[in-house]
């Protein structure tokens, strides 16, 4: 006899792998909605499980803990500007200005950075976001595309370092800087990483 399952009906003869995929999809859908509604701190495994109509132990089975679930559920579009469309000497300023706006306006990105510091899944998700989205930008503006991976990684050290100290750890001196001051300090370094000749 068919039985009621997550978000609809399924057959007892359905292959276990397909049931597993259905369960994972239901968990991730519920997690995205719950994190969006409650934020990272207030969302709970129990609430996600309730929304997905499953036992909380199933969430733990597939994702381990809230950090792992968050890393699997969230997607972040950095919405990077087309640096090749503007003056070459402005790419550092444009990129730093854009990232500061992202950190200050995108709660998900800050939460993912916080998770990534202590959780392998979060770290891998953050690595993937920067690799897939920042690397193509670096390739378009750097003098030697073969060096783009190293240059993009160096840019990431700067923008992630500022984000960590300013928005996660909240070092008083870093948090107190006005956005224009951060741009003035950081932009020349990012500019050099992207466009200067290789040392």
N, C-alpha and C. Protein backbone atom coordinates (compact mmCIF):
# COMPACT_ATOMS: atom_id res chain seq x y z
N UNK A 1 0.83 -1.19 0.00
CA UNK A 1 0.00 0.00 0.00
C UNK A 1 0.87 1.24 0.00
N UNK A 2 0.50 2.28 -0.78
CA UNK A 2 1.29 3.49 -0.75
C UNK A 2 1.20 4.17 0.61
N UNK A 3 2.25 4.93 0.97
CA UNK A 3 2.23 5.63 2.25
C UNK A 3 2.51 7.10 2.03
N UNK A 4 2.07 7.91 2.95
CA UNK A 4 2.32 9.34 2.86
C UNK A 4 3.76 9.61 3.26
N UNK A 5 4.44 10.45 2.47
CA UNK A 5 5.83 10.79 2.75
C UNK A 5 5.97 12.31 2.74
N UNK A 6 7.19 12.76 2.66
CA UNK A 6 7.46 14.18 2.64
C UNK A 6 6.78 14.83 1.45
N UNK A 7 6.07 15.88 1.63
CA UNK A 7 5.51 16.69 0.57
C UNK A 7 4.78 15.86 -0.48
N UNK A 8 4.08 14.85 -0.10
CA UNK A 8 3.33 14.10 -1.11
C UNK A 8 3.34 12.62 -0.80
N UNK A 9 3.06 11.82 -1.83
CA UNK A 9 2.98 10.38 -1.61
C UNK A 9 4.10 9.70 -2.38
N UNK A 10 4.52 8.59 -1.81
CA UNK A 10 5.55 7.81 -2.47
C UNK A 10 5.21 6.34 -2.32
N UNK A 11 5.86 5.52 -3.08
CA UNK A 11 5.60 4.09 -3.06
C UNK A 11 6.62 3.39 -2.19
N UNK A 12 6.17 2.37 -1.44
CA UNK A 12 7.10 1.62 -0.61
C UNK A 12 8.17 0.95 -1.45
N UNK A 13 7.89 0.74 -2.72
CA UNK A 13 8.86 0.09 -3.60
C UNK A 13 9.84 1.09 -4.20
N UNK A 14 9.71 2.36 -3.85
CA UNK A 14 10.64 3.36 -4.37
C UNK A 14 12.05 3.02 -3.89
N UNK A 15 13.04 3.08 -4.78
CA UNK A 15 14.42 2.74 -4.37
C UNK A 15 14.89 3.62 -3.22
N UNK A 16 15.68 3.05 -2.29
CA UNK A 16 16.17 3.84 -1.15
C UNK A 16 16.92 5.09 -1.56
N UNK A 17 17.71 5.02 -2.63
CA UNK A 17 18.47 6.19 -3.07
C UNK A 17 17.54 7.33 -3.46
N UNK A 18 16.42 6.99 -4.10
CA UNK A 18 15.47 8.03 -4.50
C UNK A 18 14.78 8.62 -3.28
N UNK A 19 14.43 7.76 -2.30
CA UNK A 19 13.83 8.28 -1.07
C UNK A 19 14.82 9.19 -0.34
N UNK A 20 16.09 8.80 -0.35
CA UNK A 20 17.12 9.62 0.28
C UNK A 20 17.22 10.99 -0.39
N UNK A 21 17.21 11.00 -1.72
CA UNK A 21 17.28 12.27 -2.45
C UNK A 21 16.06 13.14 -2.14
N UNK A 22 14.90 12.52 -2.05
CA UNK A 22 13.68 13.25 -1.73
C UNK A 22 13.76 13.85 -0.33
N UNK A 23 14.27 13.07 0.61
CA UNK A 23 14.41 13.55 1.98
C UNK A 23 15.39 14.71 2.05
N UNK A 24 16.53 14.56 1.40
CA UNK A 24 17.54 15.63 1.40
C UNK A 24 16.96 16.92 0.81
N UNK A 25 16.26 16.78 -0.30
CA UNK A 25 15.68 17.96 -0.96
C UNK A 25 14.68 18.65 -0.05
N UNK A 26 13.85 17.86 0.65
CA UNK A 26 12.87 18.43 1.56
C UNK A 26 13.55 19.16 2.72
N UNK A 27 14.62 18.56 3.24
CA UNK A 27 15.36 19.19 4.34
C UNK A 27 15.96 20.52 3.88
N UNK A 28 16.61 20.51 2.72
CA UNK A 28 17.27 21.73 2.24
C UNK A 28 16.26 22.83 1.93
N UNK A 29 15.11 22.46 1.34
CA UNK A 29 14.07 23.46 1.08
C UNK A 29 13.59 24.08 2.39
N UNK A 30 13.34 23.23 3.38
CA UNK A 30 12.88 23.73 4.67
C UNK A 30 13.94 24.58 5.34
N UNK A 31 15.20 24.15 5.23
CA UNK A 31 16.29 24.90 5.87
C UNK A 31 16.45 26.28 5.25
N UNK A 32 16.37 26.37 3.93
CA UNK A 32 16.50 27.68 3.28
C UNK A 32 15.41 28.63 3.75
N UNK A 33 14.19 28.13 3.83
CA UNK A 33 13.09 28.97 4.28
C UNK A 33 13.25 29.36 5.75
N UNK A 34 13.70 28.41 6.57
CA UNK A 34 13.84 28.69 7.99
C UNK A 34 14.97 29.66 8.26
N UNK A 35 16.13 29.47 7.59
CA UNK A 35 17.25 30.40 7.79
C UNK A 35 16.87 31.80 7.29
N UNK A 36 16.13 31.87 6.19
CA UNK A 36 15.71 33.17 5.67
C UNK A 36 14.74 33.86 6.62
N UNK A 37 13.86 33.08 7.24
CA UNK A 37 12.85 33.66 8.13
C UNK A 37 13.41 34.03 9.50
N UNK A 38 14.26 33.14 10.05
CA UNK A 38 14.71 33.32 11.43
C UNK A 38 16.14 33.81 11.57
N UNK A 39 16.92 33.74 10.48
CA UNK A 39 18.34 34.02 10.60
C UNK A 39 19.08 32.80 11.12
N UNK A 40 20.39 32.83 10.99
CA UNK A 40 21.19 31.66 11.36
C UNK A 40 21.08 31.35 12.86
N UNK A 41 21.19 32.37 13.70
CA UNK A 41 21.27 32.15 15.14
C UNK A 41 19.98 31.54 15.70
N UNK A 42 18.83 32.01 15.25
CA UNK A 42 17.57 31.57 15.84
C UNK A 42 17.01 30.30 15.20
N UNK A 43 17.42 29.99 13.99
CA UNK A 43 16.93 28.77 13.34
C UNK A 43 17.44 27.54 14.09
N UNK A 44 16.60 26.51 14.16
CA UNK A 44 16.99 25.29 14.86
C UNK A 44 16.76 24.07 13.99
N UNK A 45 17.52 23.02 14.29
CA UNK A 45 17.33 21.74 13.60
C UNK A 45 15.90 21.24 13.79
N UNK A 46 15.38 21.40 14.99
CA UNK A 46 14.03 20.93 15.28
C UNK A 46 12.99 21.66 14.41
N UNK A 47 13.17 22.97 14.24
CA UNK A 47 12.22 23.73 13.42
C UNK A 47 12.31 23.31 11.96
N UNK A 48 13.53 23.09 11.47
CA UNK A 48 13.70 22.65 10.09
C UNK A 48 13.04 21.29 9.89
N UNK A 49 13.27 20.38 10.83
CA UNK A 49 12.67 19.05 10.73
C UNK A 49 11.15 19.13 10.74
N UNK A 50 10.62 19.97 11.60
CA UNK A 50 9.17 20.14 11.65
C UNK A 50 8.63 20.65 10.31
N UNK A 51 9.31 21.63 9.73
CA UNK A 51 8.89 22.19 8.44
C UNK A 51 8.96 21.15 7.33
N UNK A 52 9.93 20.23 7.43
CA UNK A 52 10.10 19.20 6.41
C UNK A 52 9.28 17.95 6.70
N UNK A 53 8.56 17.95 7.83
CA UNK A 53 7.73 16.81 8.25
C UNK A 53 8.53 15.53 8.42
N UNK A 54 9.69 15.66 9.06
CA UNK A 54 10.52 14.49 9.35
C UNK A 54 11.04 14.59 10.78
N UNK A 55 11.65 13.52 11.23
CA UNK A 55 12.24 13.51 12.56
C UNK A 55 13.56 14.28 12.55
N UNK A 56 13.86 15.05 13.62
CA UNK A 56 15.13 15.79 13.67
C UNK A 56 16.36 14.90 13.48
N UNK A 57 16.26 13.62 13.88
CA UNK A 57 17.42 12.73 13.73
C UNK A 57 17.80 12.55 12.26
N UNK A 58 16.82 12.69 11.36
CA UNK A 58 17.12 12.56 9.93
C UNK A 58 17.96 13.73 9.44
N UNK A 59 17.68 14.92 9.97
CA UNK A 59 18.49 16.08 9.61
C UNK A 59 19.92 15.86 10.08
N UNK A 60 20.06 15.38 11.31
CA UNK A 60 21.40 15.12 11.86
C UNK A 60 22.10 14.02 11.06
N UNK A 61 21.36 13.03 10.64
CA UNK A 61 21.95 11.93 9.88
C UNK A 61 22.59 12.43 8.59
N UNK A 62 21.89 13.32 7.90
CA UNK A 62 22.39 13.77 6.60
C UNK A 62 23.39 14.92 6.70
N UNK A 63 23.23 15.80 7.70
CA UNK A 63 24.04 17.02 7.71
C UNK A 63 24.85 17.23 8.99
N UNK A 64 24.70 16.36 9.96
CA UNK A 64 25.56 16.39 11.14
C UNK A 64 25.14 17.37 12.21
N UNK A 65 25.03 18.65 11.86
CA UNK A 65 24.67 19.69 12.83
C UNK A 65 24.15 20.90 12.06
N UNK A 66 23.82 21.93 12.80
CA UNK A 66 23.25 23.11 12.15
C UNK A 66 24.23 23.76 11.20
N UNK A 67 25.52 23.77 11.57
CA UNK A 67 26.52 24.38 10.71
C UNK A 67 26.61 23.66 9.36
N UNK A 68 26.62 22.33 9.42
CA UNK A 68 26.67 21.55 8.19
C UNK A 68 25.43 21.74 7.34
N UNK A 69 24.27 21.82 7.98
CA UNK A 69 23.02 22.05 7.26
C UNK A 69 23.03 23.42 6.60
N UNK A 70 23.47 24.42 7.34
CA UNK A 70 23.52 25.78 6.79
C UNK A 70 24.42 25.85 5.58
N UNK A 71 25.60 25.24 5.69
CA UNK A 71 26.54 25.26 4.57
C UNK A 71 25.96 24.58 3.34
N UNK A 72 25.22 23.50 3.55
CA UNK A 72 24.63 22.79 2.42
C UNK A 72 23.46 23.55 1.82
N UNK A 73 22.74 24.30 2.64
CA UNK A 73 21.50 24.91 2.19
C UNK A 73 21.69 26.25 1.50
N UNK A 74 22.68 27.02 1.95
CA UNK A 74 22.74 28.39 1.45
C UNK A 74 23.46 28.49 0.11
N UNK A 75 23.02 29.42 -0.68
CA UNK A 75 23.72 29.81 -1.90
C UNK A 75 23.93 31.32 -1.83
N UNK A 76 25.09 31.76 -2.26
CA UNK A 76 25.41 33.18 -2.19
C UNK A 76 25.88 33.65 -3.55
N UNK A 77 25.22 34.65 -4.08
CA UNK A 77 25.66 35.30 -5.31
C UNK A 77 26.39 36.57 -4.92
N UNK A 78 27.70 36.60 -5.17
CA UNK A 78 28.48 37.78 -4.82
C UNK A 78 28.15 38.98 -5.71
N UNK A 79 27.45 38.73 -6.82
CA UNK A 79 27.04 39.81 -7.73
C UNK A 79 28.20 40.74 -8.06
N UNK A 80 29.34 40.14 -8.40
CA UNK A 80 30.55 40.93 -8.63
C UNK A 80 30.40 41.82 -9.86
N UNK A 81 30.91 43.04 -9.77
CA UNK A 81 30.84 43.93 -10.92
C UNK A 81 31.79 43.47 -12.03
N UNK A 82 31.53 43.90 -13.25
CA UNK A 82 32.41 43.60 -14.38
C UNK A 82 33.58 44.57 -14.34
N UNK A 83 34.68 44.13 -13.75
CA UNK A 83 35.84 45.01 -13.58
C UNK A 83 36.45 45.42 -14.91
N UNK A 84 36.30 44.58 -15.92
CA UNK A 84 36.89 44.89 -17.23
C UNK A 84 36.16 46.04 -17.92
N UNK A 85 34.97 46.38 -17.43
CA UNK A 85 34.18 47.42 -18.09
C UNK A 85 34.60 48.83 -17.67
N UNK A 86 35.36 48.94 -16.58
CA UNK A 86 35.77 50.25 -16.08
C UNK A 86 37.26 50.47 -16.22
N UNK A 87 37.74 51.62 -15.73
CA UNK A 87 39.17 51.91 -15.79
C UNK A 87 39.99 50.87 -15.03
N UNK A 88 41.07 50.42 -15.61
CA UNK A 88 41.90 49.39 -14.99
C UNK A 88 42.45 49.83 -13.64
N UNK A 89 42.75 51.11 -13.52
CA UNK A 89 43.34 51.59 -12.27
C UNK A 89 42.33 51.72 -11.14
N UNK A 90 41.07 51.43 -11.42
CA UNK A 90 40.03 51.54 -10.41
C UNK A 90 39.52 50.19 -9.90
N UNK A 91 40.07 49.08 -10.41
CA UNK A 91 39.49 47.77 -10.08
C UNK A 91 39.59 47.47 -8.58
N UNK A 92 40.66 47.85 -7.93
CA UNK A 92 40.79 47.60 -6.49
C UNK A 92 39.73 48.34 -5.70
N UNK A 93 39.56 49.62 -6.01
CA UNK A 93 38.55 50.41 -5.30
C UNK A 93 37.14 49.88 -5.54
N UNK A 94 36.84 49.56 -6.79
CA UNK A 94 35.50 49.06 -7.12
C UNK A 94 35.22 47.75 -6.39
N UNK A 95 36.20 46.84 -6.37
CA UNK A 95 35.98 45.54 -5.76
C UNK A 95 35.84 45.63 -4.24
N UNK A 96 36.70 46.41 -3.60
CA UNK A 96 36.62 46.56 -2.14
C UNK A 96 35.31 47.23 -1.74
N UNK A 97 34.92 48.27 -2.46
CA UNK A 97 33.65 48.94 -2.18
C UNK A 97 32.49 47.97 -2.30
N UNK A 98 32.52 47.14 -3.33
CA UNK A 98 31.45 46.17 -3.54
C UNK A 98 31.41 45.15 -2.39
N UNK A 99 32.56 44.64 -2.00
CA UNK A 99 32.59 43.63 -0.94
C UNK A 99 32.13 44.20 0.40
N UNK A 100 32.51 45.41 0.71
CA UNK A 100 32.05 46.01 1.97
C UNK A 100 30.53 46.13 1.98
N UNK A 101 29.96 46.53 0.85
CA UNK A 101 28.50 46.60 0.78
C UNK A 101 27.88 45.22 0.95
N UNK A 102 28.49 44.21 0.34
CA UNK A 102 27.97 42.85 0.48
C UNK A 102 27.99 42.40 1.93
N UNK A 103 29.11 42.60 2.62
CA UNK A 103 29.22 42.14 4.00
C UNK A 103 28.21 42.85 4.89
N UNK A 104 27.97 44.12 4.62
CA UNK A 104 27.09 44.90 5.50
C UNK A 104 25.61 44.67 5.19
N UNK A 105 25.30 44.19 3.99
CA UNK A 105 23.90 44.06 3.59
C UNK A 105 23.44 42.60 3.47
N UNK A 106 24.38 41.66 3.44
CA UNK A 106 24.02 40.26 3.21
C UNK A 106 24.30 39.45 4.47
N UNK A 107 23.28 39.25 5.27
CA UNK A 107 23.43 38.52 6.54
C UNK A 107 23.87 37.08 6.32
N UNK A 108 23.42 36.49 5.21
CA UNK A 108 23.76 35.09 4.91
C UNK A 108 25.27 34.95 4.69
N UNK A 109 25.86 35.88 3.98
CA UNK A 109 27.30 35.81 3.70
C UNK A 109 28.10 35.92 4.99
N UNK A 110 27.71 36.80 5.87
CA UNK A 110 28.41 36.92 7.16
C UNK A 110 28.23 35.67 8.00
N UNK A 111 27.02 35.13 8.01
CA UNK A 111 26.78 33.89 8.77
C UNK A 111 27.60 32.74 8.21
N UNK A 112 27.72 32.67 6.89
CA UNK A 112 28.50 31.60 6.28
C UNK A 112 29.98 31.73 6.63
N UNK A 113 30.48 32.95 6.69
CA UNK A 113 31.86 33.15 7.11
C UNK A 113 32.05 32.67 8.54
N UNK A 114 31.10 32.99 9.41
CA UNK A 114 31.19 32.57 10.81
C UNK A 114 31.20 31.04 10.91
N UNK A 115 30.35 30.40 10.13
CA UNK A 115 30.31 28.94 10.13
C UNK A 115 31.59 28.36 9.54
N UNK A 116 32.09 28.97 8.48
CA UNK A 116 33.26 28.45 7.80
C UNK A 116 34.52 28.44 8.63
N UNK A 117 34.57 29.29 9.64
CA UNK A 117 35.75 29.35 10.51
C UNK A 117 35.89 28.08 11.33
N UNK A 118 34.76 27.44 11.67
CA UNK A 118 34.82 26.28 12.57
C UNK A 118 34.26 25.00 11.96
N UNK A 119 33.70 25.07 10.75
CA UNK A 119 33.03 23.91 10.18
C UNK A 119 33.57 23.64 8.78
N UNK A 120 33.98 22.40 8.52
CA UNK A 120 34.60 22.05 7.25
C UNK A 120 33.65 22.27 6.07
N UNK A 121 32.38 21.90 6.25
CA UNK A 121 31.41 22.10 5.17
C UNK A 121 31.25 23.58 4.85
N UNK A 122 31.23 24.41 5.90
CA UNK A 122 31.13 25.85 5.69
C UNK A 122 32.36 26.40 5.00
N UNK A 123 33.53 25.90 5.39
CA UNK A 123 34.77 26.35 4.75
C UNK A 123 34.79 25.97 3.27
N UNK A 124 34.36 24.75 2.98
CA UNK A 124 34.34 24.31 1.58
C UNK A 124 33.33 25.11 0.76
N UNK A 125 32.19 25.44 1.37
CA UNK A 125 31.20 26.25 0.64
C UNK A 125 31.76 27.63 0.34
N UNK A 126 32.42 28.25 1.33
CA UNK A 126 33.00 29.57 1.11
C UNK A 126 34.10 29.50 0.05
N UNK A 127 34.94 28.47 0.11
CA UNK A 127 35.98 28.30 -0.91
C UNK A 127 35.37 28.21 -2.30
N UNK A 128 34.29 27.44 -2.42
CA UNK A 128 33.65 27.27 -3.71
C UNK A 128 33.06 28.56 -4.24
N UNK A 129 32.44 29.34 -3.36
CA UNK A 129 31.86 30.61 -3.78
C UNK A 129 32.93 31.53 -4.33
N UNK A 130 34.03 31.65 -3.61
CA UNK A 130 35.08 32.56 -4.07
C UNK A 130 35.80 32.01 -5.30
N UNK A 131 36.00 30.71 -5.36
CA UNK A 131 36.65 30.13 -6.54
C UNK A 131 35.79 30.33 -7.79
N UNK A 132 34.51 30.03 -7.67
CA UNK A 132 33.64 30.07 -8.85
C UNK A 132 33.28 31.47 -9.29
N UNK A 133 33.27 32.42 -8.34
CA UNK A 133 32.81 33.76 -8.69
C UNK A 133 33.92 34.80 -8.78
N UNK A 134 34.94 34.70 -7.94
CA UNK A 134 36.02 35.69 -7.96
C UNK A 134 37.07 35.36 -9.01
N UNK A 135 37.35 34.09 -9.20
CA UNK A 135 38.40 33.69 -10.15
C UNK A 135 38.12 34.19 -11.57
N UNK A 136 36.92 34.04 -12.11
CA UNK A 136 36.68 34.57 -13.46
C UNK A 136 36.91 36.07 -13.57
N UNK A 137 36.58 36.81 -12.50
CA UNK A 137 36.80 38.26 -12.50
C UNK A 137 38.30 38.55 -12.54
N UNK A 138 39.07 37.83 -11.75
CA UNK A 138 40.51 38.03 -11.74
C UNK A 138 41.12 37.72 -13.10
N UNK A 139 40.62 36.69 -13.76
CA UNK A 139 41.15 36.33 -15.08
C UNK A 139 40.97 37.44 -16.10
N UNK A 140 39.89 38.19 -15.98
CA UNK A 140 39.60 39.22 -16.97
C UNK A 140 40.48 40.45 -16.81
N UNK A 141 41.05 40.66 -15.62
CA UNK A 141 41.80 41.91 -15.43
C UNK A 141 43.28 41.72 -15.15
N UNK A 142 43.71 40.52 -14.78
CA UNK A 142 45.12 40.36 -14.43
C UNK A 142 45.97 40.24 -15.70
N UNK A 143 47.24 40.66 -15.63
CA UNK A 143 48.08 40.66 -16.82
C UNK A 143 48.43 39.27 -17.34
N UNK A 144 48.43 38.27 -16.49
CA UNK A 144 48.76 36.91 -16.89
C UNK A 144 47.68 35.98 -16.35
N UNK A 145 46.74 35.53 -17.22
CA UNK A 145 45.64 34.69 -16.74
C UNK A 145 46.08 33.43 -16.00
N UNK A 146 47.28 32.94 -16.29
CA UNK A 146 47.75 31.75 -15.57
C UNK A 146 47.97 32.03 -14.09
N UNK A 147 48.19 33.30 -13.76
CA UNK A 147 48.37 33.67 -12.35
C UNK A 147 47.06 34.02 -11.66
N UNK A 148 45.97 33.96 -12.40
CA UNK A 148 44.68 34.38 -11.84
C UNK A 148 44.30 33.62 -10.56
N UNK A 149 44.50 32.29 -10.48
CA UNK A 149 44.13 31.61 -9.23
C UNK A 149 44.87 32.16 -8.01
N UNK A 150 46.17 32.40 -8.14
CA UNK A 150 46.94 32.93 -7.01
C UNK A 150 46.50 34.36 -6.69
N UNK A 151 46.25 35.15 -7.71
CA UNK A 151 45.84 36.53 -7.49
C UNK A 151 44.45 36.59 -6.83
N UNK A 152 43.53 35.75 -7.31
CA UNK A 152 42.20 35.71 -6.70
C UNK A 152 42.28 35.27 -5.24
N UNK A 153 43.17 34.31 -4.94
CA UNK A 153 43.33 33.85 -3.56
C UNK A 153 43.87 34.97 -2.68
N UNK A 154 44.80 35.75 -3.20
CA UNK A 154 45.33 36.87 -2.43
C UNK A 154 44.26 37.93 -2.17
N UNK A 155 43.44 38.21 -3.18
CA UNK A 155 42.33 39.13 -2.97
C UNK A 155 41.40 38.60 -1.87
N UNK A 156 41.12 37.30 -1.91
CA UNK A 156 40.26 36.69 -0.90
C UNK A 156 40.84 36.86 0.50
N UNK A 157 42.17 36.76 0.63
CA UNK A 157 42.76 36.94 1.96
C UNK A 157 42.44 38.32 2.53
N UNK A 158 42.39 39.31 1.65
CA UNK A 158 42.13 40.66 2.12
C UNK A 158 40.66 40.88 2.47
N UNK A 159 39.76 40.53 1.55
CA UNK A 159 38.35 40.82 1.79
C UNK A 159 37.78 39.93 2.90
N UNK A 160 38.25 38.68 2.96
CA UNK A 160 37.78 37.80 4.03
C UNK A 160 38.39 38.21 5.37
N UNK A 161 39.64 38.63 5.35
CA UNK A 161 40.28 39.08 6.58
C UNK A 161 39.58 40.29 7.18
N UNK A 162 39.25 41.24 6.32
CA UNK A 162 38.52 42.43 6.80
C UNK A 162 37.15 42.03 7.31
N UNK A 163 36.47 41.17 6.58
CA UNK A 163 35.13 40.75 7.00
C UNK A 163 35.18 40.02 8.34
N UNK A 164 36.17 39.16 8.52
CA UNK A 164 36.28 38.40 9.76
C UNK A 164 36.52 39.32 10.95
N UNK A 165 37.45 40.24 10.81
CA UNK A 165 37.79 41.11 11.94
C UNK A 165 36.75 42.20 12.16
N UNK A 166 36.09 42.64 11.10
CA UNK A 166 35.15 43.77 11.20
C UNK A 166 33.72 43.32 11.54
N UNK A 167 33.27 42.20 10.94
CA UNK A 167 31.86 41.83 11.06
C UNK A 167 31.61 40.57 11.90
N UNK A 168 32.63 39.73 12.09
CA UNK A 168 32.44 38.51 12.87
C UNK A 168 33.11 38.65 14.24
N UNK A 169 34.42 38.85 14.25
CA UNK A 169 35.12 39.02 15.53
C UNK A 169 34.91 40.41 16.12
N UNK A 170 34.58 41.36 15.27
CA UNK A 170 34.28 42.73 15.68
C UNK A 170 35.41 43.37 16.49
N UNK A 171 36.63 43.30 15.94
CA UNK A 171 37.73 44.03 16.56
C UNK A 171 37.31 45.51 16.61
N UNK A 172 37.40 46.15 17.77
CA UNK A 172 36.90 47.53 17.88
C UNK A 172 37.52 48.49 16.86
N UNK A 173 38.84 48.39 16.66
CA UNK A 173 39.50 49.31 15.74
C UNK A 173 39.06 49.06 14.29
N UNK A 174 38.86 47.81 13.94
CA UNK A 174 38.41 47.50 12.58
C UNK A 174 36.95 47.89 12.37
N UNK A 175 36.12 47.63 13.37
CA UNK A 175 34.70 47.95 13.26
C UNK A 175 34.44 49.45 13.25
N UNK A 176 35.35 50.21 13.89
CA UNK A 176 35.15 51.65 14.00
C UNK A 176 35.50 52.41 12.72
N UNK A 177 36.27 51.80 11.85
CA UNK A 177 36.65 52.48 10.61
C UNK A 177 35.43 52.76 9.74
N UNK A 178 35.38 53.95 9.18
CA UNK A 178 34.34 54.24 8.21
C UNK A 178 34.61 53.46 6.93
N UNK A 179 33.54 53.18 6.19
CA UNK A 179 33.70 52.39 4.97
C UNK A 179 34.73 53.03 4.03
N UNK A 180 34.71 54.36 3.92
CA UNK A 180 35.65 55.04 3.02
C UNK A 180 37.10 54.84 3.47
N UNK A 181 37.30 54.77 4.79
CA UNK A 181 38.66 54.53 5.29
C UNK A 181 39.13 53.13 4.94
N UNK A 182 38.25 52.13 5.07
CA UNK A 182 38.61 50.77 4.72
C UNK A 182 38.97 50.69 3.24
N UNK A 183 38.17 51.34 2.41
CA UNK A 183 38.45 51.35 0.97
C UNK A 183 39.81 51.99 0.71
N UNK A 184 40.08 53.11 1.35
CA UNK A 184 41.34 53.82 1.13
C UNK A 184 42.55 52.96 1.52
N UNK A 185 42.44 52.20 2.61
CA UNK A 185 43.54 51.35 3.05
C UNK A 185 43.67 50.10 2.18
N UNK A 186 42.54 49.49 1.87
CA UNK A 186 42.56 48.16 1.27
C UNK A 186 42.65 48.17 -0.26
N UNK A 187 42.04 49.15 -0.89
CA UNK A 187 41.96 49.15 -2.36
C UNK A 187 43.33 49.08 -3.04
N UNK A 188 44.35 49.84 -2.58
CA UNK A 188 45.65 49.74 -3.26
C UNK A 188 46.25 48.33 -3.20
N UNK A 189 46.03 47.63 -2.11
CA UNK A 189 46.55 46.26 -2.00
C UNK A 189 45.83 45.33 -2.96
N UNK A 190 44.51 45.41 -3.01
CA UNK A 190 43.75 44.57 -3.93
C UNK A 190 44.10 44.93 -5.38
N UNK A 191 44.27 46.22 -5.64
CA UNK A 191 44.67 46.66 -6.99
C UNK A 191 46.00 46.02 -7.38
N UNK A 192 46.94 46.03 -6.47
CA UNK A 192 48.27 45.45 -6.76
C UNK A 192 48.14 43.94 -7.02
N UNK A 193 47.35 43.25 -6.18
CA UNK A 193 47.20 41.80 -6.38
C UNK A 193 46.62 41.48 -7.74
N UNK A 194 45.72 42.31 -8.23
CA UNK A 194 45.03 42.00 -9.48
C UNK A 194 45.79 42.45 -10.72
N UNK A 195 46.47 43.59 -10.66
CA UNK A 195 46.98 44.17 -11.90
C UNK A 195 48.49 44.40 -11.96
N UNK A 196 49.20 44.33 -10.83
CA UNK A 196 50.63 44.59 -10.85
C UNK A 196 51.38 43.44 -11.52
N UNK A 197 52.55 43.72 -12.12
CA UNK A 197 53.36 42.63 -12.66
C UNK A 197 53.73 41.64 -11.57
N UNK A 198 53.95 40.42 -11.95
CA UNK A 198 54.32 39.38 -10.99
C UNK A 198 55.66 39.73 -10.35
N UNK A 199 55.77 39.59 -9.03
CA UNK A 199 57.05 39.93 -8.37
C UNK A 199 58.14 38.93 -8.73
